Amino acid sequence: MSVEYTETPHGEHDPDGRGYYGPYGGRFMPEALIGVVDEVAAEYDKARTDPDFIAEFRRLLRDYAGRPSLLTEAKRFGEHAGGARIFLKR
């Protein structure tokens, strides 16, 4: 299974400047959450164009998303176990 990720800052599935998805409504949430959600959205907008973020995101999709799962090397666990190469099947 392959999952595609768009690297464009604003794709067709993103809300416009008002938070609207097409002609239908925007975001509806308690007022107390709006500041936090705006902060998360701003950080995500920065991260989604960062090559390091995209590489890590793709690695996580490759190693953890979908079936069948791959073997994952547990490097830190292996170091803790005296340098052994330990793999996990998830």
Foldseek 3Di string as FASTA:
>chain_A
DDDDDDLDLDDLQAAPPVQDNPPDDHDDDDPVCPVVVVVVNVVVSVLSNDPVSVVVVRVCCQQPNDPDHDWDWPQVVCVVVVNDTDIDGD
